[in-house]
Amino acid sequence: MATDTRDAAPRPKRATRAAGRRRYRPLVFIREVMAELRKVVYPGRSELITYVLVVLVFVSVMTAFVATLDFGLTKAVLAIFG
């Protein structure tokens, strides 16, 4: 039984190799980066000071916690295996 090609759906055209590949263009990339940097909202002086203090306090607290945990576990291991 032969198939009739007139009733078949048309096959999509194959994309050429150049159409599927984007060329690397450094100037376009730099323009896009500059456009994105213009959209950035930078913090003011008071916000920046607040953020720095929050980070310093958090890091100090976590350092104290890890140091205390390390000291306690060291004492426990030395007491057990002595």
PDB file of N, CA and C in Angstrom:
ATOM      1  N   MET A   1       0.844  -1.152   0.000  1.00  0.00           N
ATOM      2  CA  MET A   1       0.000   0.000   0.000  1.00  0.00           C
ATOM      3  C   MET A   1       0.904   1.235   0.000  1.00  0.00           C
ATOM      4  N   ALA A   2       0.758   2.067  -0.943  1.00  0.00           N
ATOM      5  CA  ALA A   2       1.597   3.252  -1.093  1.00  0.00           C
ATOM      6  C   ALA A   2       0.959   4.412  -0.349  1.00  0.00           C
ATOM      7  N   THR A   3       1.800   5.237   0.232  1.00  0.00           N
ATOM      8  CA  THR A   3       1.271   6.406   0.947  1.00  0.00           C
ATOM      9  C   THR A   3       1.259   7.600   0.012  1.00  0.00           C
ATOM     10  N   ASP A   4       0.278   8.420   0.202  1.00  0.00           N
ATOM     11  CA  ASP A   4       0.134   9.595  -0.639  1.00  0.00           C
ATOM     12  C   ASP A   4       0.885  10.750   0.032  1.00  0.00           C
ATOM     13  N   THR A   5       1.874  11.333  -0.622  1.00  0.00           N
ATOM     14  CA  THR A   5       2.684  12.385  -0.034  1.00  0.00           C
ATOM     15  C   THR A   5       1.953  13.713   0.010  1.00  0.00           C
ATOM     16  N   ARG A   6       0.887  13.868  -0.737  1.00  0.00           N
ATOM     17  CA  ARG A   6       0.158  15.131  -0.735  1.00  0.00           C
ATOM     18  C   ARG A   6      -0.593  15.347   0.570  1.00  0.00           C
ATOM     19  N   ASP A   7      -0.990  14.277   1.268  1.00  0.00           N
ATOM     20  CA  ASP A   7      -1.754  14.407   2.508  1.00  0.00           C
ATOM     21  C   ASP A   7      -0.853  14.508   3.738  1.00  0.00           C
ATOM     22  N   ALA A   8       0.402  14.220   3.602  1.00  0.00           N
ATOM     23  CA  ALA A   8       1.308  14.239   4.747  1.00  0.00           C
ATOM     24  C   ALA A   8       1.600  15.686   5.162  1.00  0.00           C
ATOM     25  N   ALA A   9       1.836  15.873   6.455  1.00  0.00           N
ATOM     26  CA  ALA A   9       2.163  17.205   6.967  1.00  0.00           C
ATOM     27  C   ALA A   9       3.541  17.606   6.450  1.00  0.00           C
ATOM     28  N   PRO A  10       3.720  18.863   6.149  1.00  0.00           N
ATOM     29  CA  PRO A  10       5.029  19.282   5.649  1.00  0.00           C
ATOM     30  C   PRO A  10       6.092  19.150   6.734  1.00  0.00           C
ATOM     31  N   ARG A  11       7.250  18.721   6.322  1.00  0.00           N
ATOM     32  CA  ARG A  11       8.348  18.539   7.269  1.00  0.00           C
ATOM     33  C   ARG A  11       8.973  19.906   7.555  1.00  0.00           C
ATOM     34  N   PRO A  12       9.322  20.129   8.796  1.00  0.00           N
ATOM     35  CA  PRO A  12       9.963  21.410   9.111  1.00  0.00           C
ATOM     36  C   PRO A  12      11.345  21.475   8.473  1.00  0.00           C
ATOM     37  N   LYS A  13      11.720  22.666   8.083  1.00  0.00           N
ATOM     38  CA  LYS A  13      13.030  22.832   7.477  1.00  0.00           C
ATOM     39  C   LYS A  13      14.103  22.675   8.532  1.00  0.00           C
ATOM     40  N   ARG A  14      15.216  22.122   8.116  1.00  0.00           N
ATOM     41  CA  ARG A  14      16.329  21.945   9.035  1.00  0.00           C
ATOM     42  C   ARG A  14      17.029  23.285   9.214  1.00  0.00           C
ATOM     43  N   ALA A  15      17.343  23.580  10.451  1.00  0.00           N
ATOM     44  CA  ALA A  15      18.045  24.834  10.727  1.00  0.00           C
ATOM     45  C   ALA A  15      19.484  24.705  10.264  1.00  0.00           C
ATOM     46  N   THR A  16      19.956  25.757   9.679  1.00  0.00           N
ATOM     47  CA  THR A  16      21.346  25.732   9.256  1.00  0.00           C
ATOM     48  C   THR A  16      22.232  25.871  10.476  1.00  0.00           C
ATOM     49  N   ARG A  17      23.434  25.510  10.333  1.00  0.00           N
ATOM     50  CA  ARG A  17      24.365  25.516  11.437  1.00  0.00           C
ATOM     51  C   ARG A  17      24.605  26.939  11.943  1.00  0.00           C
ATOM     52  N   ALA A  18      24.711  27.886  11.059  1.00  0.00           N
ATOM     53  CA  ALA A  18      24.980  29.265  11.448  1.00  0.00           C
ATOM     54  C   ALA A  18      23.772  29.899  12.135  1.00  0.00           C
ATOM     55  N   ALA A  19      22.570  29.508  11.775  1.00  0.00           N
ATOM     56  CA  ALA A  19      21.376  30.112  12.358  1.00  0.00           C
ATOM     57  C   ALA A  19      21.200  29.687  13.811  1.00  0.00           C
ATOM     58  N   GLY A  20      21.611  28.498  14.164  1.00  0.00           N
ATOM     59  CA  GLY A  20      21.446  27.996  15.523  1.00  0.00           C
ATOM     60  C   GLY A  20      22.537  28.450  16.462  1.00  0.00           C
ATOM     61  N   ARG A  21      23.614  28.954  15.954  1.00  0.00           N
ATOM     62  CA  ARG A  21      24.751  29.322  16.790  1.00  0.00           C
ATOM     63  C   ARG A  21      24.853  30.841  16.878  1.00  0.00           C
ATOM     64  N   ARG A  22      24.961  31.343  18.093  1.00  0.00           N
ATOM     65  CA  ARG A  22      25.124  32.783  18.270  1.00  0.00           C
ATOM     66  C   ARG A  22      26.605  33.098  18.302  1.00  0.00           C
ATOM     67  N   ARG A  23      26.956  34.163  17.652  1.00  0.00           N
ATOM     68  CA  ARG A  23      28.349  34.574  17.641  1.00  0.00           C
ATOM     69  C   ARG A  23      28.666  35.325  18.917  1.00  0.00           C
ATOM     70  N   TYR A  24      29.877  35.171  19.389  1.00  0.00           N
ATOM     71  CA  TYR A  24      30.343  35.870  20.565  1.00  0.00           C
ATOM     72  C   TYR A  24      30.781  37.266  20.152  1.00  0.00           C
ATOM     73  N   ARG A  25      30.122  38.261  20.726  1.00  0.00           N
ATOM     74  CA  ARG A  25      30.453  39.646  20.403  1.00  0.00           C
ATOM     75  C   ARG A  25      30.781  40.388  21.693  1.00  0.00           C
ATOM     76  N   PRO A  26      32.057  40.643  21.941  1.00  0.00           N
ATOM     77  CA  PRO A  26      32.447  41.278  23.211  1.00  0.00           C
ATOM     78  C   PRO A  26      31.832  42.659  23.420  1.00  0.00           C
ATOM     79  N   LEU A  27      31.694  43.458  22.376  1.00  0.00           N
ATOM     80  CA  LEU A  27      31.147  44.800  22.555  1.00  0.00           C
ATOM     81  C   LEU A  27      29.673  44.759  22.968  1.00  0.00           C
ATOM     82  N   VAL A  28      28.932  43.824  22.407  1.00  0.00           N
ATOM     83  CA  VAL A  28      27.522  43.673  22.788  1.00  0.00           C
ATOM     84  C   VAL A  28      27.427  43.244  24.251  1.00  0.00           C
ATOM     85  N   PHE A  29      28.288  42.334  24.641  1.00  0.00           N
ATOM     86  CA  PHE A  29      28.306  41.862  26.028  1.00  0.00           C
ATOM     87  C   PHE A  29      28.600  43.022  26.985  1.00  0.00           C
ATOM     88  N   ILE A  30      29.599  43.838  26.657  1.00  0.00           N
ATOM     89  CA  ILE A  30      29.968  44.956  27.524  1.00  0.00           C
ATOM     90  C   ILE A  30      28.831  45.975  27.611  1.00  0.00           C
ATOM     91  N   ARG A  31      28.159  46.243  26.489  1.00  0.00           N
ATOM     92  CA  ARG A  31      27.015  47.162  26.512  1.00  0.00           C
ATOM     93  C   ARG A  31      25.896  46.635  27.410  1.00  0.00           C
ATOM     94  N   GLU A  32      25.631  45.333  27.329  1.00  0.00           N
ATOM     95  CA  GLU A  32      24.582  44.743  28.160  1.00  0.00           C
ATOM     96  C   GLU A  32      24.955  44.795  29.635  1.00  0.00           C
ATOM     97  N   VAL A  33      26.222  44.555  29.942  1.00  0.00           N
ATOM     98  CA  VAL A  33      26.669  44.626  31.335  1.00  0.00           C
ATOM     99  C   VAL A  33      26.513  46.051  31.866  1.00  0.00           C
ATOM    100  N   MET A  34      26.908  47.030  31.077  1.00  0.00           N
ATOM    101  CA  MET A  34      26.787  48.428  31.507  1.00  0.00           C
ATOM    102  C   MET A  34      25.315  48.809  31.713  1.00  0.00           C
ATOM    103  N   ALA A  35      24.433  48.313  30.851  1.00  0.00           N
ATOM    104  CA  ALA A  35      23.005  48.602  30.997  1.00  0.00           C
ATOM    105  C   ALA A  35      22.465  47.997  32.291  1.00  0.00           C
ATOM    106  N   GLU A  36      22.898  46.794  32.629  1.00  0.00           N
ATOM    107  CA  GLU A  36      22.451  46.157  33.876  1.00  0.00           C
ATOM    108  C   GLU A  36      22.999  46.885  35.091  1.00  0.00           C
ATOM    109  N   LEU A  37      24.244  47.355  35.009  1.00  0.00           N
ATOM    110  CA  LEU A  37      24.831  48.072  36.139  1.00  0.00           C
ATOM    111  C   LEU A  37      24.119  49.398  36.394  1.00  0.00           C
ATOM    112  N   ARG A  38      23.552  50.013  35.370  1.00  0.00           N
ATOM    113  CA  ARG A  38      22.798  51.241  35.564  1.00  0.00           C
ATOM    114  C   ARG A  38      21.508  50.993  36.346  1.00  0.00           C
ATOM    115  N   LYS A  39      20.999  49.767  36.315  1.00  0.00           N
ATOM    116  CA  LYS A  39      19.761  49.430  37.012  1.00  0.00           C
ATOM    117  C   LYS A  39      19.978  49.150  38.499  1.00  0.00           C
ATOM    118  N   VAL A  40      21.224  48.930  38.915  1.00  0.00           N
ATOM    119  CA  VAL A  40      21.524  48.551  40.290  1.00  0.00           C
ATOM    120  C   VAL A  40      21.266  49.728  41.217  1.00  0.00           C
ATOM    121  N   VAL A  41      20.608  49.445  42.348  1.00  0.00           N
ATOM    122  CA  VAL A  41      20.387  50.465  43.368  1.00  0.00           C
ATOM    123  C   VAL A  41      21.398  50.211  44.479  1.00  0.00           C
ATOM    124  N   TYR A  42      22.347  51.117  44.617  1.00  0.00           N
ATOM    125  CA  TYR A  42      23.396  50.968  45.620  1.00  0.00           C
ATOM    126  C   TYR A  42      22.909  51.505  46.958  1.00  0.00           C
ATOM    127  N   PRO A  43      23.338  50.878  48.078  1.00  0.00           N
ATOM    128  CA  PRO A  43      22.900  51.349  49.393  1.00  0.00           C
ATOM    129  C   PRO A  43      23.554  52.682  49.754  1.00  0.00           C
ATOM    130  N   GLY A  44      22.860  53.449  50.563  1.00  0.00           N
ATOM    131  CA  GLY A  44      23.406  54.706  51.049  1.00  0.00           C
ATOM    132  C   GLY A  44      24.408  54.454  52.165  1.00  0.00           C
ATOM    133  N   ARG A  45      24.991  55.514  52.671  1.00  0.00           N
ATOM    134  CA  ARG A  45      26.023  55.385  53.700  1.00  0.00           C
ATOM    135  C   ARG A  45      25.465  54.726  54.969  1.00  0.00           C
ATOM    136  N   SER A  46      24.303  55.166  55.438  1.00  0.00           N
ATOM    137  CA  SER A  46      23.742  54.605  56.682  1.00  0.00           C
ATOM    138  C   SER A  46      23.368  53.135  56.505  1.00  0.00           C
ATOM    139  N   GLU A  47      22.806  52.779  55.355  1.00  0.00           N
ATOM    140  CA  GLU A  47      22.473  51.371  55.096  1.00  0.00           C
ATOM    141  C   GLU A  47      23.735  50.521  55.049  1.00  0.00           C
ATOM    142  N   LEU A  48      24.771  51.049  54.424  1.00  0.00           N
ATOM    143  CA  LEU A  48      26.026  50.310  54.307  1.00  0.00           C
ATOM    144  C   LEU A  48      26.642  50.061  55.679  1.00  0.00           C
ATOM    145  N   ILE A  49      26.618  51.072  56.535  1.00  0.00           N
ATOM    146  CA  ILE A  49      27.149  50.908  57.893  1.00  0.00           C
ATOM    147  C   ILE A  49      26.334  49.871  58.661  1.00  0.00           C
ATOM    148  N   THR A  50      25.021  49.921  58.521  1.00  0.00           N
ATOM    149  CA  THR A  50      24.158  48.941  59.190  1.00  0.00           C
ATOM    150  C   THR A  50      24.457  47.527  58.713  1.00  0.00           C
ATOM    151  N   TYR A  51      24.581  47.337  57.406  1.00  0.00           N
ATOM    152  CA  TYR A  51      24.866  46.011  56.864  1.00  0.00           C
ATOM    153  C   TYR A  51      26.216  45.485  57.338  1.00  0.00           C
ATOM    154  N   VAL A  52      27.222  46.354  57.369  1.00  0.00           N
ATOM    155  CA  VAL A  52      28.557  45.934  57.815  1.00  0.00           C
ATOM    156  C   VAL A  52      28.515  45.511  59.274  1.00  0.00           C
ATOM    157  N   LEU A  53      27.811  46.288  60.103  1.00  0.00           N
ATOM    158  CA  LEU A  53      27.720  45.932  61.518  1.00  0.00           C
ATOM    159  C   LEU A  53      26.971  44.620  61.728  1.00  0.00           C
ATOM    160  N   VAL A  54      25.907  44.407  60.977  1.00  0.00           N
ATOM    161  CA  VAL A  54      25.159  43.143  61.094  1.00  0.00           C
ATOM    162  C   VAL A  54      26.052  41.966  60.729  1.00  0.00           C
ATOM    163  N   VAL A  55      26.820  42.097  59.657  1.00  0.00           N
ATOM    164  CA  VAL A  55      27.709  41.004  59.234  1.00  0.00           C
ATOM    165  C   VAL A  55      28.782  40.759  60.281  1.00  0.00           C
ATOM    166  N   LEU A  56      29.386  41.827  60.814  1.00  0.00           N
ATOM    167  CA  LEU A  56      30.443  41.659  61.817  1.00  0.00           C
ATOM    168  C   LEU A  56      29.912  40.996  63.092  1.00  0.00           C
ATOM    169  N   VAL A  57      28.731  41.395  63.533  1.00  0.00           N
ATOM    170  CA  VAL A  57      28.138  40.784  64.731  1.00  0.00           C
ATOM    171  C   VAL A  57      27.833  39.316  64.471  1.00  0.00           C
ATOM    172  N   PHE A  58      27.252  39.015  63.324  1.00  0.00           N
ATOM    173  CA  PHE A  58      26.908  37.626  63.007  1.00  0.00           C
ATOM    174  C   PHE A  58      28.157  36.754  62.931  1.00  0.00           C
ATOM    175  N   VAL A  59      29.199  37.253  62.274  1.00  0.00           N
ATOM    176  CA  VAL A  59      30.436  36.477  62.153  1.00  0.00           C
ATOM    177  C   VAL A  59      31.076  36.278  63.521  1.00  0.00           C
ATOM    178  N   SER A  60      31.038  37.300  64.368  1.00  0.00           N
ATOM    179  CA  SER A  60      31.602  37.176  65.719  1.00  0.00           C
ATOM    180  C   SER A  60      30.850  36.135  66.539  1.00  0.00           C
ATOM    181  N   VAL A  61      29.531  36.169  66.475  1.00  0.00           N
ATOM    182  CA  VAL A  61      28.725  35.199  67.228  1.00  0.00           C
ATOM    183  C   VAL A  61      28.983  33.780  66.729  1.00  0.00           C
ATOM    184  N   MET A  62      29.022  33.599  65.417  1.00  0.00           N
ATOM    185  CA  MET A  62      29.267  32.256  64.876  1.00  0.00           C
ATOM    186  C   MET A  62      30.681  31.766  65.211  1.00  0.00           C
ATOM    187  N   THR A  63      31.651  32.664  65.201  1.00  0.00           N
ATOM    188  CA  THR A  63      33.021  32.286  65.564  1.00  0.00           C
ATOM    189  C   THR A  63      33.083  31.851  67.022  1.00  0.00           C
ATOM    190  N   ALA A  64      32.419  32.589  67.897  1.00  0.00           N
ATOM    191  CA  ALA A  64      32.387  32.208  69.313  1.00  0.00           C
ATOM    192  C   ALA A  64      31.690  30.867  69.504  1.00  0.00           C
ATOM    193  N   PHE A  65      30.613  30.647  68.781  1.00  0.00           N
ATOM    194  CA  PHE A  65      29.883  29.371  68.881  1.00  0.00           C
ATOM    195  C   PHE A  65      30.758  28.200  68.438  1.00  0.00           C
ATOM    196  N   VAL A  66      31.413  28.335  67.285  1.00  0.00           N
ATOM    197  CA  VAL A  66      32.249  27.242  66.771  1.00  0.00           C
ATOM    198  C   VAL A  66      33.453  27.021  67.685  1.00  0.00           C
ATOM    199  N   ALA A  67      34.047  28.089  68.212  1.00  0.00           N
ATOM    200  CA  ALA A  67      35.197  27.949  69.111  1.00  0.00           C
ATOM    201  C   ALA A  67      34.788  27.240  70.397  1.00  0.00           C
ATOM    202  N   THR A  68      33.620  27.609  70.937  1.00  0.00           N
ATOM    203  CA  THR A  68      33.127  26.953  72.153  1.00  0.00           C
ATOM    204  C   THR A  68      32.832  25.482  71.898  1.00  0.00           C
ATOM    205  N   LEU A  69      32.212  25.193  70.775  1.00  0.00           N
ATOM    206  CA  LEU A  69      31.920  23.808  70.421  1.00  0.00           C
ATOM    207  C   LEU A  69      33.209  23.007  70.240  1.00  0.00           C
ATOM    208  N   ASP A  70      34.177  23.593  69.579  1.00  0.00           N
ATOM    209  CA  ASP A  70      35.460  22.925  69.370  1.00  0.00           C
ATOM    210  C   ASP A  70      36.162  22.661  70.698  1.00  0.00           C
ATOM    211  N   PHE A  71      36.166  23.666  71.567  1.00  0.00           N
ATOM    212  CA  PHE A  71      36.806  23.506  72.873  1.00  0.00           C
ATOM    213  C   PHE A  71      36.121  22.409  73.684  1.00  0.00           C
ATOM    214  N   GLY A  72      34.785  22.433  73.704  1.00  0.00           N
ATOM    215  CA  GLY A  72      34.049  21.425  74.464  1.00  0.00           C
ATOM    216  C   GLY A  72      34.251  20.018  73.927  1.00  0.00           C
ATOM    217  N   LEU A  73      34.215  19.861  72.605  1.00  0.00           N
ATOM    218  CA  LEU A  73      34.426  18.529  72.027  1.00  0.00           C
ATOM    219  C   LEU A  73      35.860  18.043  72.235  1.00  0.00           C
ATOM    220  N   THR A  74      36.819  18.955  72.211  1.00  0.00           N
ATOM    221  CA  THR A  74      38.208  18.569  72.459  1.00  0.00           C
ATOM    222  C   THR A  74      38.351  18.056  73.887  1.00  0.00           C
ATOM    223  N   LYS A  75      37.773  18.759  74.852  1.00  0.00           N
ATOM    224  CA  LYS A  75      37.820  18.309  76.240  1.00  0.00           C
ATOM    225  C   LYS A  75      37.128  16.962  76.416  1.00  0.00           C
ATOM    226  N   ALA A  76      35.987  16.774  75.726  1.00  0.00           N
ATOM    227  CA  ALA A  76      35.248  15.516  75.839  1.00  0.00           C
ATOM    228  C   ALA A  76      36.064  14.356  75.252  1.00  0.00           C
ATOM    229  N   VAL A  77      36.679  14.553  74.103  1.00  0.00           N
ATOM    230  CA  VAL A  77      37.476  13.481  73.490  1.00  0.00           C
ATOM    231  C   VAL A  77      38.686  13.161  74.357  1.00  0.00           C
ATOM    232  N   LEU A  78      39.332  14.190  74.900  1.00  0.00           N
ATOM    233  CA  LEU A  78      40.487  13.931  75.765  1.00  0.00           C
ATOM    234  C   LEU A  78      40.071  13.224  77.055  1.00  0.00           C
ATOM    235  N   ALA A  79      38.880  13.534  77.562  1.00  0.00           N
ATOM    236  CA  ALA A  79      38.406  12.856  78.781  1.00  0.00           C
ATOM    237  C   ALA A  79      38.085  11.393  78.499  1.00  0.00           C
ATOM    238  N   ILE A  80      37.552  11.108  77.299  1.00  0.00           N
ATOM    239  CA  ILE A  80      37.180   9.738  76.970  1.00  0.00           C
ATOM    240  C   ILE A  80      38.404   8.907  76.613  1.00  0.00           C
ATOM    241  N   PHE A  81      39.251   9.423  75.706  1.00  0.00           N
ATOM    242  CA  PHE A  81      40.370   8.637  75.208  1.00  0.00           C
ATOM    243  C   PHE A  81      41.693   8.988  75.879  1.00  0.00           C
ATOM    244  N   GLY A  82      41.699   9.957  76.749  1.00  0.00           N
ATOM    245  CA  GLY A  82      42.731  10.470  77.525  1.00  0.00           C
ATOM    246  C   GLY A  82      44.113  10.320  77.441  1.00  0.00           C
TER     247      GLY A  82
END
